[in-house]
Every structure is written in C-alpha cells, then in structure tokens.
Protein backbone atom coordinates (compact mmCIF):
# COMPACT_ATOMS: atom_id res chain seq x y z
CA MET A 1 -6.65 6.00 19.99
CA SER A 2 -9.03 4.75 17.56
CA THR A 3 -7.61 3.47 14.35
CA GLN A 4 -7.91 6.61 12.12
CA GLU A 5 -6.28 8.73 14.41
CA VAL A 6 -3.27 5.79 14.58
CA ILE A 7 -3.03 6.10 10.80
CA ASP A 8 -3.36 10.01 10.63
CA THR A 9 -0.62 10.33 13.19
CA ALA A 10 1.96 7.56 11.31
CA VAL A 11 1.26 9.28 7.80
CA ARG A 12 1.87 12.89 9.67
CA GLU A 13 4.97 11.32 11.06
CA TYR A 14 5.97 10.01 7.65
CA VAL A 15 5.49 12.86 5.79
CA SER A 16 7.38 14.48 8.43
CA ALA A 17 10.50 12.33 8.06
CA MET A 18 10.04 12.68 4.55
CA ASP A 19 10.29 16.15 4.67
CA GLU A 20 13.22 16.18 6.76
CA ALA A 21 14.92 13.82 4.29
CA THR A 22 14.68 15.87 1.24
CA ASN A 23 15.40 19.01 2.88
CA LYS A 24 18.48 17.97 4.43
CA GLY A 25 19.53 16.49 1.20
CA ASP A 26 19.61 13.12 3.29
CA THR A 27 19.83 9.84 1.65
CA THR A 28 19.70 7.36 4.06
CA MET A 29 16.08 6.44 3.47
CA THR A 30 16.96 4.52 0.14
CA LYS A 31 17.91 7.38 -1.95
CA LEU A 32 14.52 8.90 -1.96
CA VAL A 33 14.42 12.26 -3.04
CA ARG A 34 11.03 12.75 -4.84
CA THR A 35 7.57 13.73 -3.82
CA VAL A 36 5.65 11.00 -2.83
CA LYS A 37 2.49 12.93 -3.64
CA THR A 38 0.39 12.46 -6.83
CA GLU A 39 -2.69 13.63 -8.33
CA LEU A 40 -5.77 10.88 -7.82
CA THR A 41 -9.01 11.12 -10.48
CA LEU A 42 -12.04 11.20 -9.04
CA ASP A 43 -12.70 7.33 -9.78
CA GLU A 44 -9.53 6.15 -8.11
CA VAL A 45 -10.21 8.43 -4.57
CA ARG A 46 -13.85 6.75 -5.19
CA LYS A 47 -12.22 3.69 -4.89
CA LEU A 48 -9.89 4.50 -2.16
CA LEU A 49 -13.07 5.27 -0.04
CA GLU A 50 -14.76 1.77 -0.89
CA VAL A 51 -11.34 0.48 0.50
CA TYR A 52 -11.77 2.69 3.63
CA ASN A 53 -15.29 1.73 4.29
CA CYS A 54 -14.87 -1.96 3.49
CA MET A 55 -12.00 -1.70 6.16
CA ASP A 56 -13.73 0.59 8.51
CA SER A 57 -17.50 -2.07 8.39
CA MET A 58 -15.05 -5.00 8.86
CA VAL A 59 -13.05 -3.39 12.19
CA ASP A 60 -16.33 -2.52 13.61
CA ASP A 61 -18.22 -5.80 13.43
CA THR A 62 -15.32 -7.44 14.69
CA MET A 63 -14.94 -4.80 17.91
CA GLU A 64 -18.71 -5.22 18.04
CA CYS A 65 -19.34 -8.72 17.88
CA MET A 66 -16.30 -10.66 17.96
CA ASP A 67 -16.83 -11.70 14.33
CA VAL A 68 -16.27 -11.61 10.80
CA ARG A 69 -18.32 -12.47 8.21
CA LEU A 70 -17.10 -14.38 4.80
CA SER A 71 -18.66 -12.20 2.72
CA GLN A 72 -16.63 -9.12 4.67
CA LEU A 73 -13.23 -10.74 3.55
CA SER A 74 -14.06 -11.26 0.05
CA ASP A 75 -15.06 -7.75 -0.26
CA LEU A 76 -11.96 -6.58 1.67
CA ARG A 77 -10.00 -8.92 -0.87
CA ASP A 78 -11.66 -7.57 -3.66
CA LYS A 79 -10.84 -3.72 -2.34
CA ALA A 80 -7.47 -4.77 -1.52
CA TYR A 81 -6.71 -6.29 -5.40
CA ALA A 82 -8.17 -3.26 -6.78
CA LEU A 83 -6.13 -0.93 -4.87
CA LYS A 84 -2.94 -2.79 -5.27
CA HIS A 85 -3.66 -2.59 -9.09
CA MET A 86 -4.49 0.85 -8.92
CA PHE A 87 -1.12 2.02 -7.39
CA ASP A 88 0.88 -0.58 -9.27
CA PHE A 89 2.30 -1.94 -5.73
CA ARG A 90 4.78 -4.86 -6.50
CA PRO A 91 5.81 -7.77 -4.71
CA THR A 92 9.90 -7.82 -3.80
CA VAL A 93 12.15 -10.13 -5.01
CA ASN A 94 14.13 -12.63 -3.82
CA GLU A 95 17.69 -14.00 -4.53
CA ASP A 96 16.39 -16.35 -7.37
CA GLY A 97 14.65 -13.66 -9.08
CA ASN A 98 11.22 -14.88 -7.90
CA PRO A 99 8.57 -12.95 -6.75
CA ASN A 100 7.66 -13.08 -2.83
CA HIS A 101 3.93 -13.20 -2.95
CA TRP A 102 4.06 -13.46 0.54
CA LYS A 103 5.81 -10.60 2.01
CA PRO A 104 4.30 -7.10 2.04
CA CYS A 105 4.44 -5.18 -1.35
CA VAL A 106 6.59 -2.44 -2.10
CA LEU A 107 6.13 0.58 -4.86
CA PRO A 108 6.93 -0.02 -8.27
CA ASP A 109 9.99 1.94 -8.02
CA ASP A 110 11.82 0.34 -4.97
CA PRO A 111 14.59 -1.54 -6.16
CA THR A 112 13.37 -4.70 -5.03
CA ALA A 113 10.73 -4.83 -6.58
CA TRP A 114 9.72 -7.56 -8.99
CA TYR A 115 8.74 -7.24 -12.54
CA TYR A 116 8.23 -10.26 -15.17
CA VAL A 117 10.66 -10.44 -17.63
CA LYS A 118 9.22 -12.21 -20.70
CA GLU A 119 12.18 -14.64 -22.03
CA GLU A 120 12.65 -14.84 -25.68
CA THR A 121 12.26 -17.95 -27.32
CA GLU A 122 13.93 -18.54 -30.71
C-alpha cells in the first residue's frame, strides 16, 4: 500500500468516526460536536500542495536512493512551518503552563493547546 493510500484510508476512517460521533450525539471524542471541514483560499491550497510535493519528493528519494539531501530537509521544515502557521497548530501545555514544543501539535481549540499570556507589569 502506498503512502498516499495509507493517508487516504486514515482520512476516510477519521471522517467516518467523526460523522458517527456527531450523528449519535457521542461526546467521547473530546466533546467535538462541530464540523472539521473549512474553506481554503487558493493560496492555502497551493501551500498544501507544496507541502505534499515536498514530502512526496523526499519519500521518493529516500526509497530510491536510501539518501536524503539536507536541502530537502530544510525545504520540508520550511513547508511544515508554513502549514503550522496557516492552521495555527499549537503545542500542548504542560502542568506548569509551559509549551511542550517537542510533542505533536494540536488544533488551536484543543483544551490542551498552549497560548502565550503576556503578564502585565506595573
């Protein structure tokens, strides 16, 4: 099974589970009772396409040559950064209120999402 087929299958299963949870009134999925879909601008879709193409190229080269160029890693990091900011993905917050930058990001409306709170000084 190709990487794209795995991704497509995972997305279908996720959407199916979300539909079932929403239709049954199930609140076990972190009380998510909202539509996950959103409209994207053409520029946002182009950025997503760049991310996909960057990942696809890197995976192809890795599989064919068993090698990854540093320029590919740098490009992939840049695309990941753009995608993170496009959707406002957030690090989770730890028990001290600090961000867990090393853990996977969450959606901005996740209850564990970290936000910087500027402390007022007198």
